[in-house]
Amino acid sequence: MTDHMTPDTARELLATAEDAADRGAAASRGAWIGAATSVAIGLLLAGFLLASVFLFPTADGPTAALIVGVYAVGIVLATTVYNLGRKLTPAGWIRRYSIGLASSMGVFAIALALSFLVDERSLWLWVPLAVLTAAPLAVLGSIRGNR
């Protein structure tokens, strides 16, 4: 005896497939948010490093507080946008992001320590260090995972 699909069963299966496709498309549209967050936080770290080198040495208390406040608000804003905008976390992204963040923070810490050890304040030294600070997080957090 051969089982045949009824029209109602076929419609139900099609509706289920269309629903899954719509959910997949919605998740795919939000895939950029992890990369954008990684780049934003990398740029905030780089900017904070440059502010630490060029602005903090001569800043008064309110100016220093403003710089730290802008940095903190930027971090909170980037993570809030990520948490509100993500539909799913791609496979392996958290691991890549974590390695990128740890690497960027390591470069930041070394560069910040260097700023106390050398008197050099020229852009040719500090801009490349700022780029090196942002790069691991921006690059690793922007890589799309493969399944």
C-alpha atoms as a PDB file:
ATOM      1  CA  MET A   1       0.000   0.000   0.000  1.00  0.00           C
ATOM      2  CA  THR A   2       1.358   3.402  -0.971  1.00  0.00           C
ATOM      3  CA  ASP A   3       0.918   6.397   1.320  1.00  0.00           C
ATOM      4  CA  HIS A   4      -0.026   9.564  -0.479  1.00  0.00           C
ATOM      5  CA  MET A   5       0.316  13.033   0.913  1.00  0.00           C
ATOM      6  CA  THR A   6      -2.948  14.880   1.298  1.00  0.00           C
ATOM      7  CA  PRO A   7      -3.208  18.486   0.127  1.00  0.00           C
ATOM      8  CA  ASP A   8      -3.563  19.632   3.743  1.00  0.00           C
ATOM      9  CA  THR A   9      -0.385  17.798   4.767  1.00  0.00           C
ATOM     10  CA  ALA A  10       1.479  19.292   1.803  1.00  0.00           C
ATOM     11  CA  ARG A  11       0.324  22.808   2.759  1.00  0.00           C
ATOM     12  CA  GLU A  12       1.440  22.274   6.355  1.00  0.00           C
ATOM     13  CA  LEU A  13       4.876  21.083   5.239  1.00  0.00           C
ATOM     14  CA  LEU A  14       5.246  24.036   2.865  1.00  0.00           C
ATOM     15  CA  ALA A  15       4.223  26.473   5.603  1.00  0.00           C
ATOM     16  CA  THR A  16       6.786  24.931   7.959  1.00  0.00           C
ATOM     17  CA  ALA A  17       9.530  25.181   5.327  1.00  0.00           C
ATOM     18  CA  GLU A  18       8.626  28.796   4.523  1.00  0.00           C
ATOM     19  CA  ASP A  19       8.669  29.674   8.238  1.00  0.00           C
ATOM     20  CA  ALA A  20      12.118  28.120   8.648  1.00  0.00           C
ATOM     21  CA  ALA A  21      13.387  29.987   5.574  1.00  0.00           C
ATOM     22  CA  ASP A  22      12.027  33.280   6.937  1.00  0.00           C
ATOM     23  CA  ARG A  23      13.710  32.705  10.311  1.00  0.00           C
ATOM     24  CA  GLY A  24      16.985  31.808   8.591  1.00  0.00           C
ATOM     25  CA  ALA A  25      16.825  34.928   6.432  1.00  0.00           C
ATOM     26  CA  ALA A  26      16.134  37.112   9.492  1.00  0.00           C
ATOM     27  CA  ALA A  27      19.099  35.585  11.325  1.00  0.00           C
ATOM     28  CA  SER A  28      21.328  36.091   8.301  1.00  0.00           C
ATOM     29  CA  ARG A  29      20.371  39.771   8.072  1.00  0.00           C
ATOM     30  CA  GLY A  30      21.666  40.232  11.630  1.00  0.00           C
ATOM     31  CA  ALA A  31      24.989  38.473  11.013  1.00  0.00           C
ATOM     32  CA  TRP A  32      26.809  41.781  10.476  1.00  0.00           C
ATOM     33  CA  ILE A  33      26.215  42.904  14.066  1.00  0.00           C
ATOM     34  CA  GLY A  34      29.068  40.839  15.555  1.00  0.00           C
ATOM     35  CA  ALA A  35      31.555  42.228  13.053  1.00  0.00           C
ATOM     36  CA  ALA A  36      30.321  45.791  13.608  1.00  0.00           C
ATOM     37  CA  THR A  37      30.591  45.385  17.375  1.00  0.00           C
ATOM     38  CA  SER A  38      34.130  43.989  17.089  1.00  0.00           C
ATOM     39  CA  VAL A  39      35.265  46.858  14.875  1.00  0.00           C
ATOM     40  CA  ALA A  40      33.582  49.449  17.116  1.00  0.00           C
ATOM     41  CA  ILE A  41      35.178  48.128  20.301  1.00  0.00           C
ATOM     42  CA  GLY A  42      38.559  47.829  18.550  1.00  0.00           C
ATOM     43  CA  LEU A  43      38.309  51.464  17.450  1.00  0.00           C
ATOM     44  CA  LEU A  44      37.289  52.517  20.963  1.00  0.00           C
ATOM     45  CA  LEU A  45      40.372  50.761  22.371  1.00  0.00           C
ATOM     46  CA  ALA A  46      42.606  52.424  19.777  1.00  0.00           C
ATOM     47  CA  GLY A  47      41.062  55.827  20.468  1.00  0.00           C
ATOM     48  CA  PHE A  48      41.443  55.374  24.206  1.00  0.00           C
ATOM     49  CA  LEU A  49      45.107  54.470  23.748  1.00  0.00           C
ATOM     50  CA  LEU A  50      45.693  57.637  21.714  1.00  0.00           C
ATOM     51  CA  ALA A  51      43.808  59.691  24.289  1.00  0.00           C
ATOM     52  CA  SER A  52      45.929  58.135  27.043  1.00  0.00           C
ATOM     53  CA  VAL A  53      49.127  59.085  25.235  1.00  0.00           C
ATOM     54  CA  PHE A  54      48.233  62.524  23.890  1.00  0.00           C
ATOM     55  CA  LEU A  55      45.483  63.925  26.112  1.00  0.00           C
ATOM     56  CA  PHE A  56      45.764  62.444  29.592  1.00  0.00           C
ATOM     57  CA  PRO A  57      49.253  63.783  30.394  1.00  0.00           C
ATOM     58  CA  THR A  58      47.988  67.375  30.223  1.00  0.00           C
ATOM     59  CA  ALA A  59      44.288  66.871  31.008  1.00  0.00           C
ATOM     60  CA  ASP A  60      42.671  68.291  34.100  1.00  0.00           C
ATOM     61  CA  GLY A  61      40.286  66.157  36.159  1.00  0.00           C
ATOM     62  CA  PRO A  62      37.046  67.039  34.339  1.00  0.00           C
ATOM     63  CA  THR A  63      38.633  66.529  30.916  1.00  0.00           C
ATOM     64  CA  ALA A  64      40.052  63.141  31.933  1.00  0.00           C
ATOM     65  CA  ALA A  65      36.665  62.146  33.371  1.00  0.00           C
ATOM     66  CA  LEU A  66      34.985  63.186  30.119  1.00  0.00           C
ATOM     67  CA  ILE A  67      37.406  61.068  28.048  1.00  0.00           C
ATOM     68  CA  VAL A  68      36.869  58.022  30.265  1.00  0.00           C
ATOM     69  CA  GLY A  69      33.107  58.647  30.222  1.00  0.00           C
ATOM     70  CA  VAL A  70      32.974  58.791  26.422  1.00  0.00           C
ATOM     71  CA  TYR A  71      34.973  55.559  26.248  1.00  0.00           C
ATOM     72  CA  ALA A  72      32.706  53.825  28.770  1.00  0.00           C
ATOM     73  CA  VAL A  73      29.524  55.008  27.037  1.00  0.00           C
ATOM     74  CA  GLY A  74      30.937  53.779  23.712  1.00  0.00           C
ATOM     75  CA  ILE A  75      31.630  50.320  25.126  1.00  0.00           C
ATOM     76  CA  VAL A  76      28.188  50.111  26.742  1.00  0.00           C
ATOM     77  CA  LEU A  77      26.506  51.339  23.552  1.00  0.00           C
ATOM     78  CA  ALA A  78      28.376  48.851  21.337  1.00  0.00           C
ATOM     79  CA  THR A  79      27.583  45.885  23.565  1.00  0.00           C
ATOM     80  CA  THR A  80      23.954  46.965  24.017  1.00  0.00           C
ATOM     81  CA  VAL A  81      23.439  47.302  20.266  1.00  0.00           C
ATOM     82  CA  TYR A  82      24.982  43.859  19.817  1.00  0.00           C
ATOM     83  CA  ASN A  83      22.812  42.257  22.484  1.00  0.00           C
ATOM     84  CA  LEU A  84      19.632  43.855  21.176  1.00  0.00           C
ATOM     85  CA  GLY A  85      20.389  43.280  17.503  1.00  0.00           C
ATOM     86  CA  ARG A  86      21.702  39.759  17.347  1.00  0.00           C
ATOM     87  CA  LYS A  87      19.391  36.955  16.346  1.00  0.00           C
ATOM     88  CA  LEU A  88      21.923  34.205  16.873  1.00  0.00           C
ATOM     89  CA  THR A  89      25.612  33.842  17.482  1.00  0.00           C
ATOM     90  CA  PRO A  90      27.402  32.177  14.561  1.00  0.00           C
ATOM     91  CA  ALA A  91      29.348  29.015  15.289  1.00  0.00           C
ATOM     92  CA  GLY A  92      32.800  29.822  16.665  1.00  0.00           C
ATOM     93  CA  TRP A  93      32.235  33.580  16.814  1.00  0.00           C
ATOM     94  CA  ILE A  94      32.454  33.869  20.609  1.00  0.00           C
ATOM     95  CA  ARG A  95      35.782  32.034  20.597  1.00  0.00           C
ATOM     96  CA  ARG A  96      37.209  34.220  17.796  1.00  0.00           C
ATOM     97  CA  TYR A  97      35.870  37.370  19.476  1.00  0.00           C
ATOM     98  CA  SER A  98      37.369  36.340  22.837  1.00  0.00           C
ATOM     99  CA  ILE A  99      40.787  35.650  21.312  1.00  0.00           C
ATOM    100  CA  GLY A 100      40.632  38.975  19.439  1.00  0.00           C
ATOM    101  CA  LEU A 101      39.587  40.876  22.557  1.00  0.00           C
ATOM    102  CA  ALA A 102      42.320  39.282  24.681  1.00  0.00           C
ATOM    103  CA  SER A 103      44.912  40.018  21.995  1.00  0.00           C
ATOM    104  CA  SER A 104      43.768  43.616  21.588  1.00  0.00           C
ATOM    105  CA  MET A 105      43.766  44.154  25.333  1.00  0.00           C
ATOM    106  CA  GLY A 106      47.274  42.679  25.545  1.00  0.00           C
ATOM    107  CA  VAL A 107      48.579  45.060  22.869  1.00  0.00           C
ATOM    108  CA  PHE A 108      46.741  47.924  24.612  1.00  0.00           C
ATOM    109  CA  ALA A 109      48.361  47.089  27.961  1.00  0.00           C
ATOM    110  CA  ILE A 110      51.843  46.840  26.437  1.00  0.00           C
ATOM    111  CA  ALA A 111      51.394  50.094  24.529  1.00  0.00           C
ATOM    112  CA  LEU A 112      50.042  51.860  27.615  1.00  0.00           C
ATOM    113  CA  ALA A 113      53.006  50.634  29.681  1.00  0.00           C
ATOM    114  CA  LEU A 114      55.324  51.820  26.901  1.00  0.00           C
ATOM    115  CA  SER A 115      53.773  55.283  27.136  1.00  0.00           C
ATOM    116  CA  PHE A 116      55.119  55.544  30.687  1.00  0.00           C
ATOM    117  CA  LEU A 117      58.577  54.318  29.686  1.00  0.00           C
ATOM    118  CA  VAL A 118      59.267  56.581  26.702  1.00  0.00           C
ATOM    119  CA  ASP A 119      58.861  60.303  26.235  1.00  0.00           C
ATOM    120  CA  GLU A 120      58.194  59.985  22.500  1.00  0.00           C
ATOM    121  CA  ARG A 121      54.759  61.370  21.616  1.00  0.00           C
ATOM    122  CA  SER A 122      54.911  61.489  17.826  1.00  0.00           C
ATOM    123  CA  LEU A 123      52.157  60.098  15.637  1.00  0.00           C
ATOM    124  CA  TRP A 124      54.574  57.812  13.746  1.00  0.00           C
ATOM    125  CA  LEU A 125      54.924  55.664  16.889  1.00  0.00           C
ATOM    126  CA  TRP A 126      51.479  55.827  18.456  1.00  0.00           C
ATOM    127  CA  VAL A 127      49.127  55.596  15.470  1.00  0.00           C
ATOM    128  CA  PRO A 128      50.608  52.246  14.345  1.00  0.00           C
ATOM    129  CA  LEU A 129      50.350  50.990  17.939  1.00  0.00           C
ATOM    130  CA  ALA A 130      46.709  52.105  18.013  1.00  0.00           C
ATOM    131  CA  VAL A 131      46.081  50.224  14.750  1.00  0.00           C
ATOM    132  CA  LEU A 132      47.792  47.151  16.222  1.00  0.00           C
ATOM    133  CA  THR A 133      45.550  47.507  19.258  1.00  0.00           C
ATOM    134  CA  ALA A 134      42.346  47.506  17.216  1.00  0.00           C
ATOM    135  CA  ALA A 135      43.367  44.956  14.577  1.00  0.00           C
ATOM    136  CA  PRO A 136      43.078  41.592  16.407  1.00  0.00           C
ATOM    137  CA  LEU A 137      39.576  42.271  17.679  1.00  0.00           C
ATOM    138  CA  ALA A 138      38.357  43.917  14.485  1.00  0.00           C
ATOM    139  CA  VAL A 139      39.728  41.139  12.275  1.00  0.00           C
ATOM    140  CA  LEU A 140      38.914  38.060  14.371  1.00  0.00           C
ATOM    141  CA  GLY A 141      35.485  39.367  15.341  1.00  0.00           C
ATOM    142  CA  SER A 142      34.657  40.008  11.687  1.00  0.00           C
ATOM    143  CA  ILE A 143      35.489  36.536  10.363  1.00  0.00           C
ATOM    144  CA  ARG A 144      32.373  34.615   9.406  1.00  0.00           C
ATOM    145  CA  GLY A 145      32.298  31.043  10.621  1.00  0.00           C
ATOM    146  CA  ASN A 146      32.101  28.008   8.377  1.00  0.00           C
ATOM    147  CA  ARG A 147      29.912  25.044   9.065  1.00  0.00           C
END
